[in-house]
Amino acid sequence: MIIHNRLDKSFGPVGSFAGVIVFVGGLIMTCMSPAGLALIAIGAFAGFSFSSTFVDVVNPTCTPIRGMK
């Protein structure tokens, strides 16, 4: 049996909130300038990334994971 434990946000709650704000700003800015695409990529990485682990109960191993929502 493998258990998936989601630990926390990679950049903490403040960094995650700031990433979401940059992401939304990039969406709005894309209508006016292609530079908004860079803001979308940076904001998505900062706002939606998290760290977690997979714990295998049968075969005692622990695998750390960095992921996106």
N, C-alpha and C. Protein backbone atom coordinates (compact mmCIF):
# COMPACT_ATOMS: atom_id res chain seq x y z
N MET A 1 0.84 -1.17 0.00
CA MET A 1 0.00 0.00 0.00
C MET A 1 0.89 1.25 0.00
N ILE A 2 0.61 2.17 -0.89
CA ILE A 2 1.40 3.40 -0.99
C ILE A 2 0.54 4.57 -0.51
N ILE A 3 1.10 5.35 0.40
CA ILE A 3 0.42 6.52 0.95
C ILE A 3 1.06 7.77 0.35
N HIS A 4 0.23 8.70 -0.14
CA HIS A 4 0.72 9.96 -0.70
C HIS A 4 0.51 11.06 0.34
N ASN A 5 1.61 11.57 0.91
CA ASN A 5 1.54 12.66 1.90
C ASN A 5 1.92 13.97 1.23
N ARG A 6 0.99 14.90 1.19
CA ARG A 6 1.29 16.23 0.66
C ARG A 6 1.76 17.08 1.82
N LEU A 7 3.00 17.59 1.72
CA LEU A 7 3.62 18.26 2.86
C LEU A 7 3.27 19.74 2.93
N ASP A 8 3.70 20.53 1.96
CA ASP A 8 3.45 21.96 2.03
C ASP A 8 3.71 22.60 0.67
N LYS A 9 3.50 23.90 0.61
CA LYS A 9 3.80 24.66 -0.60
C LYS A 9 5.31 24.86 -0.67
N SER A 10 5.87 24.85 -1.88
CA SER A 10 7.32 24.97 -2.04
C SER A 10 7.85 26.32 -1.58
N PHE A 11 7.07 27.38 -1.78
CA PHE A 11 7.52 28.73 -1.43
C PHE A 11 6.77 29.31 -0.24
N GLY A 12 6.07 28.49 0.51
CA GLY A 12 5.32 28.95 1.66
C GLY A 12 4.02 29.62 1.24
N PRO A 13 3.20 29.99 2.22
CA PRO A 13 1.91 30.58 1.86
C PRO A 13 2.03 31.96 1.21
N VAL A 14 3.01 32.75 1.62
CA VAL A 14 3.17 34.09 1.05
C VAL A 14 3.68 33.99 -0.39
N GLY A 15 4.65 33.14 -0.65
CA GLY A 15 5.16 32.95 -1.99
C GLY A 15 4.11 32.35 -2.93
N SER A 16 3.29 31.47 -2.39
CA SER A 16 2.22 30.88 -3.19
C SER A 16 1.19 31.93 -3.58
N PHE A 17 0.81 32.77 -2.63
CA PHE A 17 -0.15 33.84 -2.92
C PHE A 17 0.43 34.83 -3.93
N ALA A 18 1.69 35.19 -3.75
CA ALA A 18 2.34 36.11 -4.70
C ALA A 18 2.41 35.47 -6.09
N GLY A 19 2.66 34.18 -6.17
CA GLY A 19 2.70 33.49 -7.45
C GLY A 19 1.36 33.51 -8.16
N VAL A 20 0.28 33.36 -7.40
CA VAL A 20 -1.06 33.41 -7.98
C VAL A 20 -1.34 34.82 -8.51
N ILE A 21 -0.93 35.84 -7.76
CA ILE A 21 -1.13 37.22 -8.19
C ILE A 21 -0.34 37.50 -9.47
N VAL A 22 0.91 37.04 -9.55
CA VAL A 22 1.73 37.21 -10.75
C VAL A 22 1.10 36.45 -11.92
N PHE A 23 0.57 35.26 -11.66
CA PHE A 23 -0.09 34.47 -12.70
C PHE A 23 -1.29 35.21 -13.28
N VAL A 24 -2.13 35.74 -12.42
CA VAL A 24 -3.31 36.49 -12.87
C VAL A 24 -2.89 37.76 -13.60
N GLY A 25 -1.88 38.44 -13.09
CA GLY A 25 -1.36 39.63 -13.78
C GLY A 25 -0.82 39.28 -15.16
N GLY A 26 -0.20 38.13 -15.28
CA GLY A 26 0.30 37.67 -16.58
C GLY A 26 -0.83 37.38 -17.55
N LEU A 27 -1.93 36.81 -17.03
CA LEU A 27 -3.09 36.56 -17.89
C LEU A 27 -3.65 37.87 -18.43
N ILE A 28 -3.75 38.87 -17.58
CA ILE A 28 -4.27 40.17 -18.01
C ILE A 28 -3.30 40.85 -18.96
N MET A 29 -2.00 40.76 -18.66
CA MET A 29 -0.99 41.45 -19.46
C MET A 29 -0.79 40.81 -20.83
N THR A 30 -1.12 39.53 -20.97
CA THR A 30 -0.94 38.84 -22.25
C THR A 30 -1.78 39.48 -23.36
N CYS A 31 -2.89 40.06 -23.01
CA CYS A 31 -3.73 40.74 -24.02
C CYS A 31 -3.00 41.94 -24.61
N MET A 32 -2.10 42.57 -23.85
CA MET A 32 -1.42 43.77 -24.30
C MET A 32 0.00 43.53 -24.77
N SER A 33 0.67 42.52 -24.22
CA SER A 33 2.07 42.31 -24.54
C SER A 33 2.42 40.82 -24.42
N PRO A 34 3.28 40.30 -25.29
CA PRO A 34 3.68 38.89 -25.16
C PRO A 34 4.53 38.62 -23.92
N ALA A 35 5.03 39.65 -23.26
CA ALA A 35 5.82 39.45 -22.05
C ALA A 35 4.97 38.85 -20.93
N GLY A 36 3.67 38.92 -21.06
CA GLY A 36 2.78 38.32 -20.07
C GLY A 36 2.93 36.81 -20.00
N LEU A 37 3.40 36.19 -21.08
CA LEU A 37 3.60 34.74 -21.06
C LEU A 37 4.69 34.34 -20.07
N ALA A 38 5.72 35.17 -19.94
CA ALA A 38 6.77 34.89 -18.95
C ALA A 38 6.20 35.00 -17.54
N LEU A 39 5.34 35.99 -17.31
CA LEU A 39 4.73 36.13 -15.99
C LEU A 39 3.82 34.95 -15.67
N ILE A 40 3.14 34.44 -16.69
CA ILE A 40 2.28 33.27 -16.47
C ILE A 40 3.12 32.08 -16.05
N ALA A 41 4.25 31.86 -16.73
CA ALA A 41 5.10 30.71 -16.40
C ALA A 41 5.70 30.84 -15.00
N ILE A 42 6.20 32.02 -14.66
CA ILE A 42 6.80 32.23 -13.34
C ILE A 42 5.74 32.12 -12.24
N GLY A 43 4.59 32.75 -12.47
CA GLY A 43 3.52 32.71 -11.47
C GLY A 43 2.97 31.32 -11.25
N ALA A 44 2.84 30.55 -12.33
CA ALA A 44 2.33 29.18 -12.19
C ALA A 44 3.31 28.32 -11.40
N PHE A 45 4.61 28.48 -11.67
CA PHE A 45 5.60 27.71 -10.93
C PHE A 45 5.59 28.07 -9.44
N ALA A 46 5.59 29.35 -9.13
CA ALA A 46 5.63 29.77 -7.73
C ALA A 46 4.31 29.53 -7.01
N GLY A 47 3.21 29.71 -7.70
CA GLY A 47 1.91 29.64 -7.04
C GLY A 47 1.35 28.24 -6.85
N PHE A 48 1.69 27.32 -7.75
CA PHE A 48 1.02 26.03 -7.73
C PHE A 48 1.94 24.85 -7.42
N SER A 49 3.21 25.08 -7.09
CA SER A 49 4.11 23.96 -6.80
C SER A 49 4.02 23.57 -5.32
N PHE A 50 4.27 22.30 -5.06
CA PHE A 50 4.21 21.79 -3.69
C PHE A 50 5.22 20.66 -3.53
N SER A 51 5.46 20.26 -2.31
CA SER A 51 6.32 19.12 -2.05
C SER A 51 5.50 18.04 -1.36
N SER A 52 5.83 16.80 -1.66
CA SER A 52 5.11 15.68 -1.08
C SER A 52 6.01 14.45 -1.07
N THR A 53 5.52 13.39 -0.47
CA THR A 53 6.25 12.12 -0.45
C THR A 53 5.29 10.97 -0.72
N PHE A 54 5.84 9.90 -1.28
CA PHE A 54 5.14 8.63 -1.38
C PHE A 54 5.77 7.69 -0.37
N VAL A 55 4.97 7.14 0.53
CA VAL A 55 5.45 6.21 1.54
C VAL A 55 4.88 4.84 1.23
N ASP A 56 5.76 3.88 0.99
CA ASP A 56 5.35 2.51 0.71
C ASP A 56 5.37 1.75 2.04
N VAL A 57 4.19 1.29 2.47
CA VAL A 57 4.07 0.63 3.76
C VAL A 57 4.57 -0.81 3.69
N VAL A 58 4.33 -1.49 2.58
CA VAL A 58 4.72 -2.90 2.44
C VAL A 58 6.23 -3.02 2.29
N ASN A 59 6.81 -2.28 1.34
CA ASN A 59 8.25 -2.27 1.13
C ASN A 59 8.75 -0.93 1.68
N PRO A 60 9.32 -0.88 2.89
CA PRO A 60 9.58 0.39 3.57
C PRO A 60 10.50 1.34 2.80
N THR A 61 9.90 2.16 1.97
CA THR A 61 10.65 3.19 1.24
C THR A 61 9.87 4.50 1.29
N CYS A 62 10.58 5.58 1.11
CA CYS A 62 9.98 6.92 1.10
C CYS A 62 10.58 7.67 -0.08
N THR A 63 9.74 8.17 -0.98
CA THR A 63 10.19 8.86 -2.18
C THR A 63 9.74 10.31 -2.14
N PRO A 64 10.66 11.27 -2.04
CA PRO A 64 10.26 12.68 -2.07
C PRO A 64 9.87 13.11 -3.49
N ILE A 65 8.89 14.01 -3.57
CA ILE A 65 8.38 14.46 -4.87
C ILE A 65 8.18 15.97 -4.82
N ARG A 66 8.53 16.65 -5.91
CA ARG A 66 8.16 18.05 -6.10
C ARG A 66 7.18 18.07 -7.25
N GLY A 67 6.02 18.68 -7.08
CA GLY A 67 5.00 18.61 -8.13
C GLY A 67 4.24 19.91 -8.29
N MET A 68 3.36 19.90 -9.27
CA MET A 68 2.46 21.01 -9.54
C MET A 68 1.02 20.50 -9.39
N LYS A 69 0.12 21.39 -9.07
CA LYS A 69 -1.29 21.01 -8.95
C LYS A 69 -1.85 20.60 -10.27
